[in-house]
Amino acid sequence: WFLRDLRTPFGGMKQSGIGREGGM
């Protein structure tokens, strides 16, 4: 849990978000 590679996509589906952040 909470293991993050900052190159990977970060964001949510449904009402948890729009779009992705991280790396490219």
mmCIF file of all heavy atoms, coordinates in Angstrom:
data_MODEL
# 
_entry.id   MODEL 
# 
loop_
_atom_site.group_PDB 
_atom_site.id 
_atom_site.type_symbol 
_atom_site.label_atom_id 
_atom_site.label_alt_id 
_atom_site.label_comp_id 
_atom_site.label_asym_id 
_atom_site.label_entity_id 
_atom_site.label_seq_id 
_atom_site.pdbx_PDB_ins_code 
_atom_site.Cartn_x 
_atom_site.Cartn_y 
_atom_site.Cartn_z 
_atom_site.occupancy 
_atom_site.B_iso_or_equiv 
_atom_site.pdbx_formal_charge 
_atom_site.auth_seq_id 
_atom_site.auth_comp_id 
_atom_site.auth_asym_id 
_atom_site.auth_atom_id 
_atom_site.pdbx_PDB_model_num 
ATOM 1   N N   . TRP A 1 1  ? 0.854   -1.199 0.000   1.00 0.00 ? 1  TRP A N   1 
ATOM 2   C CA  . TRP A 1 1  ? 0.000   0.000  0.000   1.00 0.00 ? 1  TRP A CA  1 
ATOM 3   C C   . TRP A 1 1  ? 0.885   1.243  0.000   1.00 0.00 ? 1  TRP A C   1 
ATOM 4   O O   . TRP A 1 1  ? 1.945   1.265  0.631   1.00 0.00 ? 1  TRP A O   1 
ATOM 5   C CB  . TRP A 1 1  ? -0.909  0.022  1.242   1.00 0.00 ? 1  TRP A CB  1 
ATOM 6   C CG  . TRP A 1 1  ? -1.784  1.251  1.324   1.00 0.00 ? 1  TRP A CG  1 
ATOM 7   C CD1 . TRP A 1 1  ? -2.906  1.502  0.596   1.00 0.00 ? 1  TRP A CD1 1 
ATOM 8   C CD2 . TRP A 1 1  ? -1.599  2.394  2.168   1.00 0.00 ? 1  TRP A CD2 1 
ATOM 9   N NE1 . TRP A 1 1  ? -3.436  2.724  0.936   1.00 0.00 ? 1  TRP A NE1 1 
ATOM 10  C CE2 . TRP A 1 1  ? -2.642  3.297  1.910   1.00 0.00 ? 1  TRP A CE2 1 
ATOM 11  C CE3 . TRP A 1 1  ? -0.635  2.735  3.124   1.00 0.00 ? 1  TRP A CE3 1 
ATOM 12  C CZ2 . TRP A 1 1  ? -2.762  4.524  2.558   1.00 0.00 ? 1  TRP A CZ2 1 
ATOM 13  C CZ3 . TRP A 1 1  ? -0.759  3.961  3.767   1.00 0.00 ? 1  TRP A CZ3 1 
ATOM 14  C CH2 . TRP A 1 1  ? -1.807  4.837  3.489   1.00 0.00 ? 1  TRP A CH2 1 
ATOM 15  N N   . PHE A 1 2  ? 0.480   2.261  -0.722  1.00 0.00 ? 2  PHE A N   1 
ATOM 16  C CA  . PHE A 1 2  ? 1.142   3.571  -0.757  1.00 0.00 ? 2  PHE A CA  1 
ATOM 17  C C   . PHE A 1 2  ? 2.567   3.484  -1.314  1.00 0.00 ? 2  PHE A C   1 
ATOM 18  O O   . PHE A 1 2  ? 3.421   4.308  -1.016  1.00 0.00 ? 2  PHE A O   1 
ATOM 19  C CB  . PHE A 1 2  ? 1.166   4.192  0.646   1.00 0.00 ? 2  PHE A CB  1 
ATOM 20  C CG  . PHE A 1 2  ? 1.093   5.709  0.623   1.00 0.00 ? 2  PHE A CG  1 
ATOM 21  C CD1 . PHE A 1 2  ? -0.016  6.345  0.126   1.00 0.00 ? 2  PHE A CD1 1 
ATOM 22  C CD2 . PHE A 1 2  ? 2.123   6.481  1.122   1.00 0.00 ? 2  PHE A CD2 1 
ATOM 23  C CE1 . PHE A 1 2  ? -0.095  7.734  0.110   1.00 0.00 ? 2  PHE A CE1 1 
ATOM 24  C CE2 . PHE A 1 2  ? 2.066   7.870  1.104   1.00 0.00 ? 2  PHE A CE2 1 
ATOM 25  C CZ  . PHE A 1 2  ? 0.942   8.496  0.599   1.00 0.00 ? 2  PHE A CZ  1 
ATOM 26  N N   . LEU A 1 3  ? 2.823   2.467  -2.126  1.00 0.00 ? 3  LEU A N   1 
ATOM 27  C CA  . LEU A 1 3  ? 4.114   2.334  -2.782  1.00 0.00 ? 3  LEU A CA  1 
ATOM 28  C C   . LEU A 1 3  ? 4.000   3.002  -4.139  1.00 0.00 ? 3  LEU A C   1 
ATOM 29  O O   . LEU A 1 3  ? 3.251   2.544  -4.997  1.00 0.00 ? 3  LEU A O   1 
ATOM 30  C CB  . LEU A 1 3  ? 4.478   0.856  -2.926  1.00 0.00 ? 3  LEU A CB  1 
ATOM 31  C CG  . LEU A 1 3  ? 5.838   0.523  -3.544  1.00 0.00 ? 3  LEU A CG  1 
ATOM 32  C CD1 . LEU A 1 3  ? 6.975   1.119  -2.723  1.00 0.00 ? 3  LEU A CD1 1 
ATOM 33  C CD2 . LEU A 1 3  ? 5.998   -0.995 -3.657  1.00 0.00 ? 3  LEU A CD2 1 
ATOM 34  N N   . ARG A 1 4  ? 4.745   4.104  -4.327  1.00 0.00 ? 4  ARG A N   1 
ATOM 35  C CA  . ARG A 1 4  ? 4.550   4.933  -5.516  1.00 0.00 ? 4  ARG A CA  1 
ATOM 36  C C   . ARG A 1 4  ? 5.831   5.087  -6.320  1.00 0.00 ? 4  ARG A C   1 
ATOM 37  O O   . ARG A 1 4  ? 6.881   5.411  -5.792  1.00 0.00 ? 4  ARG A O   1 
ATOM 38  C CB  . ARG A 1 4  ? 4.054   6.332  -5.114  1.00 0.00 ? 4  ARG A CB  1 
ATOM 39  C CG  . ARG A 1 4  ? 2.644   6.376  -4.595  1.00 0.00 ? 4  ARG A CG  1 
ATOM 40  C CD  . ARG A 1 4  ? 1.629   6.471  -5.735  1.00 0.00 ? 4  ARG A CD  1 
ATOM 41  N NE  . ARG A 1 4  ? 1.731   7.764  -6.405  1.00 0.00 ? 4  ARG A NE  1 
ATOM 42  C CZ  . ARG A 1 4  ? 2.024   7.926  -7.695  1.00 0.00 ? 4  ARG A CZ  1 
ATOM 43  N NH1 . ARG A 1 4  ? 2.269   6.898  -8.457  1.00 0.00 ? 4  ARG A NH1 1 
ATOM 44  N NH2 . ARG A 1 4  ? 2.101   9.129  -8.223  1.00 0.00 ? 4  ARG A NH2 1 
ATOM 45  N N   . ASP A 1 5  ? 5.711   4.861  -7.623  1.00 0.00 ? 5  ASP A N   1 
ATOM 46  C CA  . ASP A 1 5  ? 6.726   5.235  -8.594  1.00 0.00 ? 5  ASP A CA  1 
ATOM 47  C C   . ASP A 1 5  ? 6.174   6.468  -9.302  1.00 0.00 ? 5  ASP A C   1 
ATOM 48  O O   . ASP A 1 5  ? 5.110   6.409  -9.924  1.00 0.00 ? 5  ASP A O   1 
ATOM 49  C CB  . ASP A 1 5  ? 6.947   4.078  -9.576  1.00 0.00 ? 5  ASP A CB  1 
ATOM 50  C CG  . ASP A 1 5  ? 8.027   4.367  -10.618 1.00 0.00 ? 5  ASP A CG  1 
ATOM 51  O OD1 . ASP A 1 5  ? 8.214   5.547  -10.982 1.00 0.00 ? 5  ASP A OD1 1 
ATOM 52  O OD2 . ASP A 1 5  ? 8.676   3.407  -11.078 1.00 0.00 ? 5  ASP A OD2 1 
ATOM 53  N N   . LEU A 1 6  ? 6.875   7.590  -9.202  1.00 0.00 ? 6  LEU A N   1 
ATOM 54  C CA  . LEU A 1 6  ? 6.309   8.847  -9.699  1.00 0.00 ? 6  LEU A CA  1 
ATOM 55  C C   . LEU A 1 6  ? 6.203   8.914  -11.214 1.00 0.00 ? 6  LEU A C   1 
ATOM 56  O O   . LEU A 1 6  ? 5.644   9.871  -11.752 1.00 0.00 ? 6  LEU A O   1 
ATOM 57  C CB  . LEU A 1 6  ? 7.127   10.032 -9.175  1.00 0.00 ? 6  LEU A CB  1 
ATOM 58  C CG  . LEU A 1 6  ? 7.201   10.180 -7.657  1.00 0.00 ? 6  LEU A CG  1 
ATOM 59  C CD1 . LEU A 1 6  ? 7.758   11.549 -7.284  1.00 0.00 ? 6  LEU A CD1 1 
ATOM 60  C CD2 . LEU A 1 6  ? 5.839   9.979  -6.997  1.00 0.00 ? 6  LEU A CD2 1 
ATOM 61  N N   . ARG A 1 7  ? 6.689   7.899  -11.909 1.00 0.00 ? 7  ARG A N   1 
ATOM 62  C CA  . ARG A 1 7  ? 6.515   7.848  -13.365 1.00 0.00 ? 7  ARG A CA  1 
ATOM 63  C C   . ARG A 1 7  ? 5.150   7.293  -13.754 1.00 0.00 ? 7  ARG A C   1 
ATOM 64  O O   . ARG A 1 7  ? 4.727   7.434  -14.907 1.00 0.00 ? 7  ARG A O   1 
ATOM 65  C CB  . ARG A 1 7  ? 7.605   6.969  -13.992 1.00 0.00 ? 7  ARG A CB  1 
ATOM 66  C CG  . ARG A 1 7  ? 9.017   7.497  -13.801 1.00 0.00 ? 7  ARG A CG  1 
ATOM 67  C CD  . ARG A 1 7  ? 10.046  6.478  -14.221 1.00 0.00 ? 7  ARG A CD  1 
ATOM 68  N NE  . ARG A 1 7  ? 10.015  5.299  -13.351 1.00 0.00 ? 7  ARG A NE  1 
ATOM 69  C CZ  . ARG A 1 7  ? 10.838  4.261  -13.474 1.00 0.00 ? 7  ARG A CZ  1 
ATOM 70  N NH1 . ARG A 1 7  ? 11.746  4.245  -14.431 1.00 0.00 ? 7  ARG A NH1 1 
ATOM 71  N NH2 . ARG A 1 7  ? 10.752  3.232  -12.641 1.00 0.00 ? 7  ARG A NH2 1 
ATOM 72  N N   . THR A 1 8  ? 4.464   6.648  -12.817 1.00 0.00 ? 8  THR A N   1 
ATOM 73  C CA  . THR A 1 8  ? 3.238   5.922  -13.147 1.00 0.00 ? 8  THR A CA  1 
ATOM 74  C C   . THR A 1 8  ? 2.008   6.822  -13.061 1.00 0.00 ? 8  THR A C   1 
ATOM 75  O O   . THR A 1 8  ? 2.017   7.846  -12.379 1.00 0.00 ? 8  THR A O   1 
ATOM 76  C CB  . THR A 1 8  ? 3.060   4.727  -12.199 1.00 0.00 ? 8  THR A CB  1 
ATOM 77  O OG1 . THR A 1 8  ? 2.978   5.210  -10.850 1.00 0.00 ? 8  THR A OG1 1 
ATOM 78  C CG2 . THR A 1 8  ? 4.236   3.767  -12.322 1.00 0.00 ? 8  THR A CG2 1 
ATOM 79  N N   . PRO A 1 9  ? 0.913   6.431  -13.745 1.00 0.00 ? 9  PRO A N   1 
ATOM 80  C CA  . PRO A 1 9  ? -0.299  7.267  -13.705 1.00 0.00 ? 9  PRO A CA  1 
ATOM 81  C C   . PRO A 1 9  ? -0.958  7.240  -12.331 1.00 0.00 ? 9  PRO A C   1 
ATOM 82  O O   . PRO A 1 9  ? -1.098  6.180  -11.717 1.00 0.00 ? 9  PRO A O   1 
ATOM 83  C CB  . PRO A 1 9  ? -1.203  6.630  -14.764 1.00 0.00 ? 9  PRO A CB  1 
ATOM 84  C CG  . PRO A 1 9  ? -0.708  5.227  -14.911 1.00 0.00 ? 9  PRO A CG  1 
ATOM 85  C CD  . PRO A 1 9  ? 0.760   5.284  -14.660 1.00 0.00 ? 9  PRO A CD  1 
ATOM 86  N N   . PHE A 1 10 ? -1.371  8.420  -11.875 1.00 0.00 ? 10 PHE A N   1 
ATOM 87  C CA  . PHE A 1 10 ? -2.019  8.576  -10.578 1.00 0.00 ? 10 PHE A CA  1 
ATOM 88  C C   . PHE A 1 10 ? -3.315  9.335  -10.780 1.00 0.00 ? 10 PHE A C   1 
ATOM 89  O O   . PHE A 1 10 ? -3.327  10.441 -11.326 1.00 0.00 ? 10 PHE A O   1 
ATOM 90  C CB  . PHE A 1 10 ? -1.101  9.340  -9.616  1.00 0.00 ? 10 PHE A CB  1 
ATOM 91  C CG  . PHE A 1 10 ? -1.694  9.554  -8.244  1.00 0.00 ? 10 PHE A CG  1 
ATOM 92  C CD1 . PHE A 1 10 ? -1.503  8.625  -7.242  1.00 0.00 ? 10 PHE A CD1 1 
ATOM 93  C CD2 . PHE A 1 10 ? -2.445  10.684 -7.963  1.00 0.00 ? 10 PHE A CD2 1 
ATOM 94  C CE1 . PHE A 1 10 ? -2.050  8.813  -5.982  1.00 0.00 ? 10 PHE A CE1 1 
ATOM 95  C CE2 . PHE A 1 10 ? -3.006  10.883 -6.709  1.00 0.00 ? 10 PHE A CE2 1 
ATOM 96  C CZ  . PHE A 1 10 ? -2.797  9.942  -5.710  1.00 0.00 ? 10 PHE A CZ  1 
ATOM 97  N N   . GLY A 1 11 ? -4.426  8.763  -10.321 1.00 0.00 ? 11 GLY A N   1 
ATOM 98  C CA  . GLY A 1 11 ? -5.715  9.431  -10.442 1.00 0.00 ? 11 GLY A CA  1 
ATOM 99  C C   . GLY A 1 11 ? -6.841  8.441  -10.223 1.00 0.00 ? 11 GLY A C   1 
ATOM 100 O O   . GLY A 1 11 ? -6.610  7.250  -10.016 1.00 0.00 ? 11 GLY A O   1 
ATOM 101 N N   . GLY A 1 12 ? -8.070  8.930  -10.265 1.00 0.00 ? 12 GLY A N   1 
ATOM 102 C CA  . GLY A 1 12 ? -9.212  8.104  -9.917  1.00 0.00 ? 12 GLY A CA  1 
ATOM 103 C C   . GLY A 1 12 ? -10.213 7.933  -11.030 1.00 0.00 ? 12 GLY A C   1 
ATOM 104 O O   . GLY A 1 12 ? -10.210 8.667  -12.026 1.00 0.00 ? 12 GLY A O   1 
ATOM 105 N N   . MET A 1 13 ? -11.081 6.954  -10.850 1.00 0.00 ? 13 MET A N   1 
ATOM 106 C CA  . MET A 1 13 ? -12.218 6.719  -11.738 1.00 0.00 ? 13 MET A CA  1 
ATOM 107 C C   . MET A 1 13 ? -13.489 7.247  -11.071 1.00 0.00 ? 13 MET A C   1 
ATOM 108 O O   . MET A 1 13 ? -13.485 7.617  -9.907  1.00 0.00 ? 13 MET A O   1 
ATOM 109 C CB  . MET A 1 13 ? -12.386 5.215  -12.001 1.00 0.00 ? 13 MET A CB  1 
ATOM 110 C CG  . MET A 1 13 ? -11.245 4.559  -12.733 1.00 0.00 ? 13 MET A CG  1 
ATOM 111 S SD  . MET A 1 13 ? -11.609 2.798  -12.976 1.00 0.00 ? 13 MET A SD  1 
ATOM 112 C CE  . MET A 1 13 ? -10.148 2.286  -13.886 1.00 0.00 ? 13 MET A CE  1 
ATOM 113 N N   . LYS A 1 14 ? -14.566 7.239  -11.840 1.00 0.00 ? 14 LYS A N   1 
ATOM 114 C CA  . LYS A 1 14 ? -15.885 7.650  -11.347 1.00 0.00 ? 14 LYS A CA  1 
ATOM 115 C C   . LYS A 1 14 ? -15.781 9.009  -10.634 1.00 0.00 ? 14 LYS A C   1 
ATOM 116 O O   . LYS A 1 14 ? -15.173 9.934  -11.184 1.00 0.00 ? 14 LYS A O   1 
ATOM 117 C CB  . LYS A 1 14 ? -16.472 6.536  -10.471 1.00 0.00 ? 14 LYS A CB  1 
ATOM 118 C CG  . LYS A 1 14 ? -16.681 5.233  -11.251 1.00 0.00 ? 14 LYS A CG  1 
ATOM 119 C CD  . LYS A 1 14 ? -17.433 4.172  -10.469 1.00 0.00 ? 14 LYS A CD  1 
ATOM 120 C CE  . LYS A 1 14 ? -16.575 3.381  -9.550  1.00 0.00 ? 14 LYS A CE  1 
ATOM 121 N NZ  . LYS A 1 14 ? -17.261 2.178  -9.008  1.00 0.00 ? 14 LYS A NZ  1 
ATOM 122 N N   . GLN A 1 15 ? -16.334 9.135  -9.433  1.00 0.00 ? 15 GLN A N   1 
ATOM 123 C CA  . GLN A 1 15 ? -16.317 10.436 -8.766  1.00 0.00 ? 15 GLN A CA  1 
ATOM 124 C C   . GLN A 1 15 ? -15.050 10.659 -7.937  1.00 0.00 ? 15 GLN A C   1 
ATOM 125 O O   . GLN A 1 15 ? -15.009 11.542 -7.080  1.00 0.00 ? 15 GLN A O   1 
ATOM 126 C CB  . GLN A 1 15 ? -17.561 10.583 -7.891  1.00 0.00 ? 15 GLN A CB  1 
ATOM 127 C CG  . GLN A 1 15 ? -18.846 10.658 -8.704  1.00 0.00 ? 15 GLN A CG  1 
ATOM 128 C CD  . GLN A 1 15 ? -20.054 11.056 -7.876  1.00 0.00 ? 15 GLN A CD  1 
ATOM 129 O OE1 . GLN A 1 15 ? -19.949 11.704 -6.836  1.00 0.00 ? 15 GLN A OE1 1 
ATOM 130 N NE2 . GLN A 1 15 ? -21.229 10.669 -8.344  1.00 0.00 ? 15 GLN A NE2 1 
ATOM 131 N N   . SER A 1 16 ? -14.019 9.879  -8.230  1.00 0.00 ? 16 SER A N   1 
ATOM 132 C CA  . SER A 1 16 ? -12.734 10.071 -7.549  1.00 0.00 ? 16 SER A CA  1 
ATOM 133 C C   . SER A 1 16 ? -11.743 10.871 -8.385  1.00 0.00 ? 16 SER A C   1 
ATOM 134 O O   . SER A 1 16 ? -10.602 11.055 -7.959  1.00 0.00 ? 16 SER A O   1 
ATOM 135 C CB  . SER A 1 16 ? -12.108 8.717  -7.196  1.00 0.00 ? 16 SER A CB  1 
ATOM 136 O OG  . SER A 1 16 ? -12.764 8.136  -6.094  1.00 0.00 ? 16 SER A OG  1 
ATOM 137 N N   . GLY A 1 17 ? -12.154 11.342 -9.557  1.00 0.00 ? 17 GLY A N   1 
ATOM 138 C CA  . GLY A 1 17 ? -11.222 12.195 -10.271 1.00 0.00 ? 17 GLY A CA  1 
ATOM 139 C C   . GLY A 1 17 ? -11.393 12.197 -11.767 1.00 0.00 ? 17 GLY A C   1 
ATOM 140 O O   . GLY A 1 17 ? -12.156 11.429 -12.350 1.00 0.00 ? 17 GLY A O   1 
ATOM 141 N N   . ILE A 1 18 ? -10.627 13.092 -12.384 1.00 0.00 ? 18 ILE A N   1 
ATOM 142 C CA  . ILE A 1 18 ? -10.577 13.236 -13.838 1.00 0.00 ? 18 ILE A CA  1 
ATOM 143 C C   . ILE A 1 18 ? -9.119  13.389 -14.222 1.00 0.00 ? 18 ILE A C   1 
ATOM 144 O O   . ILE A 1 18 ? -8.404  14.248 -13.691 1.00 0.00 ? 18 ILE A O   1 
ATOM 145 C CB  . ILE A 1 18 ? -11.363 14.467 -14.324 1.00 0.00 ? 18 ILE A CB  1 
ATOM 146 C CG1 . ILE A 1 18 ? -12.853 14.325 -13.993 1.00 0.00 ? 18 ILE A CG1 1 
ATOM 147 C CG2 . ILE A 1 18 ? -11.177 14.684 -15.821 1.00 0.00 ? 18 ILE A CG2 1 
ATOM 148 C CD1 . ILE A 1 18 ? -13.656 15.571 -14.303 1.00 0.00 ? 18 ILE A CD1 1 
ATOM 149 N N   . GLY A 1 19 ? -8.646  12.558 -15.141 1.00 0.00 ? 19 GLY A N   1 
ATOM 150 C CA  . GLY A 1 19 ? -7.287  12.682 -15.631 1.00 0.00 ? 19 GLY A CA  1 
ATOM 151 C C   . GLY A 1 19 ? -6.292  11.935 -14.764 1.00 0.00 ? 19 GLY A C   1 
ATOM 152 O O   . GLY A 1 19 ? -6.639  11.332 -13.738 1.00 0.00 ? 19 GLY A O   1 
ATOM 153 N N   . ARG A 1 20 ? -5.032  11.988 -15.181 1.00 0.00 ? 20 ARG A N   1 
ATOM 154 C CA  . ARG A 1 20 ? -3.945  11.318 -14.481 1.00 0.00 ? 20 ARG A CA  1 
ATOM 155 C C   . ARG A 1 20 ? -2.759  12.263 -14.344 1.00 0.00 ? 20 ARG A C   1 
ATOM 156 O O   . ARG A 1 20 ? -2.513  13.106 -15.209 1.00 0.00 ? 20 ARG A O   1 
ATOM 157 C CB  . ARG A 1 20 ? -3.503  10.057 -15.242 1.00 0.00 ? 20 ARG A CB  1 
ATOM 158 C CG  . ARG A 1 20 ? -4.562  8.961  -15.320 1.00 0.00 ? 20 ARG A CG  1 
ATOM 159 C CD  . ARG A 1 20 ? -4.863  8.395  -13.939 1.00 0.00 ? 20 ARG A CD  1 
ATOM 160 N NE  . ARG A 1 20 ? -5.838  7.309  -13.982 1.00 0.00 ? 20 ARG A NE  1 
ATOM 161 C CZ  . ARG A 1 20 ? -7.137  7.476  -13.838 1.00 0.00 ? 20 ARG A CZ  1 
ATOM 162 N NH1 . ARG A 1 20 ? -7.638  8.712  -13.692 1.00 0.00 ? 20 ARG A NH1 1 
ATOM 163 N NH2 . ARG A 1 20 ? -7.959  6.440  -13.836 1.00 0.00 ? 20 ARG A NH2 1 
ATOM 164 N N   . GLU A 1 21 ? -2.032  12.090 -13.244 1.00 0.00 ? 21 GLU A N   1 
ATOM 165 C CA  . GLU A 1 21 ? -0.794  12.832 -13.018 1.00 0.00 ? 21 GLU A CA  1 
ATOM 166 C C   . GLU A 1 21 ? 0.322   11.829 -12.769 1.00 0.00 ? 21 GLU A C   1 
ATOM 167 O O   . GLU A 1 21 ? 0.081   10.660 -12.490 1.00 0.00 ? 21 GLU A O   1 
ATOM 168 C CB  . GLU A 1 21 ? -0.946  13.774 -11.826 1.00 0.00 ? 21 GLU A CB  1 
ATOM 169 C CG  . GLU A 1 21 ? -1.957  14.884 -12.054 1.00 0.00 ? 21 GLU A CG  1 
ATOM 170 C CD  . GLU A 1 21 ? -2.122  15.775 -10.831 1.00 0.00 ? 21 GLU A CD  1 
ATOM 171 O OE1 . GLU A 1 21 ? -2.408  15.234 -9.748  1.00 0.00 ? 21 GLU A OE1 1 
ATOM 172 O OE2 . GLU A 1 21 ? -1.963  16.988 -10.966 1.00 0.00 ? 21 GLU A OE2 1 
ATOM 173 N N   . GLY A 1 22 ? 1.560   12.300 -12.853 1.00 0.00 ? 22 GLY A N   1 
ATOM 174 C CA  . GLY A 1 22 ? 2.709   11.434 -12.671 1.00 0.00 ? 22 GLY A CA  1 
ATOM 175 C C   . GLY A 1 22 ? 3.467   11.273 -13.968 1.00 0.00 ? 22 GLY A C   1 
ATOM 176 O O   . GLY A 1 22 ? 2.877   10.957 -15.011 1.00 0.00 ? 22 GLY A O   1 
ATOM 177 N N   . GLY A 1 23 ? 4.794   11.487 -13.929 1.00 0.00 ? 23 GLY A N   1 
ATOM 178 C CA  . GLY A 1 23 ? 5.618   11.289 -15.109 1.00 0.00 ? 23 GLY A CA  1 
ATOM 179 C C   . GLY A 1 23 ? 5.079   12.021 -16.326 1.00 0.00 ? 23 GLY A C   1 
ATOM 180 O O   . GLY A 1 23 ? 4.723   13.200 -16.281 1.00 0.00 ? 23 GLY A O   1 
ATOM 181 N N   . MET A 1 24 ? 4.991   11.309 -17.447 1.00 0.00 ? 24 MET A N   1 
ATOM 182 C CA  . MET A 1 24 ? 4.532   11.911 -18.694 1.00 0.00 ? 24 MET A CA  1 
ATOM 183 C C   . MET A 1 24 ? 3.093   12.390 -18.607 1.00 0.00 ? 24 MET A C   1 
ATOM 184 O O   . MET A 1 24 ? 2.693   13.337 -19.284 1.00 0.00 ? 24 MET A O   1 
ATOM 185 C CB  . MET A 1 24 ? 4.665   10.874 -19.820 1.00 0.00 ? 24 MET A CB  1 
ATOM 186 C CG  . MET A 1 24 ? 4.503   11.468 -21.209 1.00 0.00 ? 24 MET A CG  1 
ATOM 187 S SD  . MET A 1 24 ? 5.788   12.696 -21.514 1.00 0.00 ? 24 MET A SD  1 
ATOM 188 C CE  . MET A 1 24 ? 4.892   13.842 -22.546 1.00 0.00 ? 24 MET A CE  1 
# 
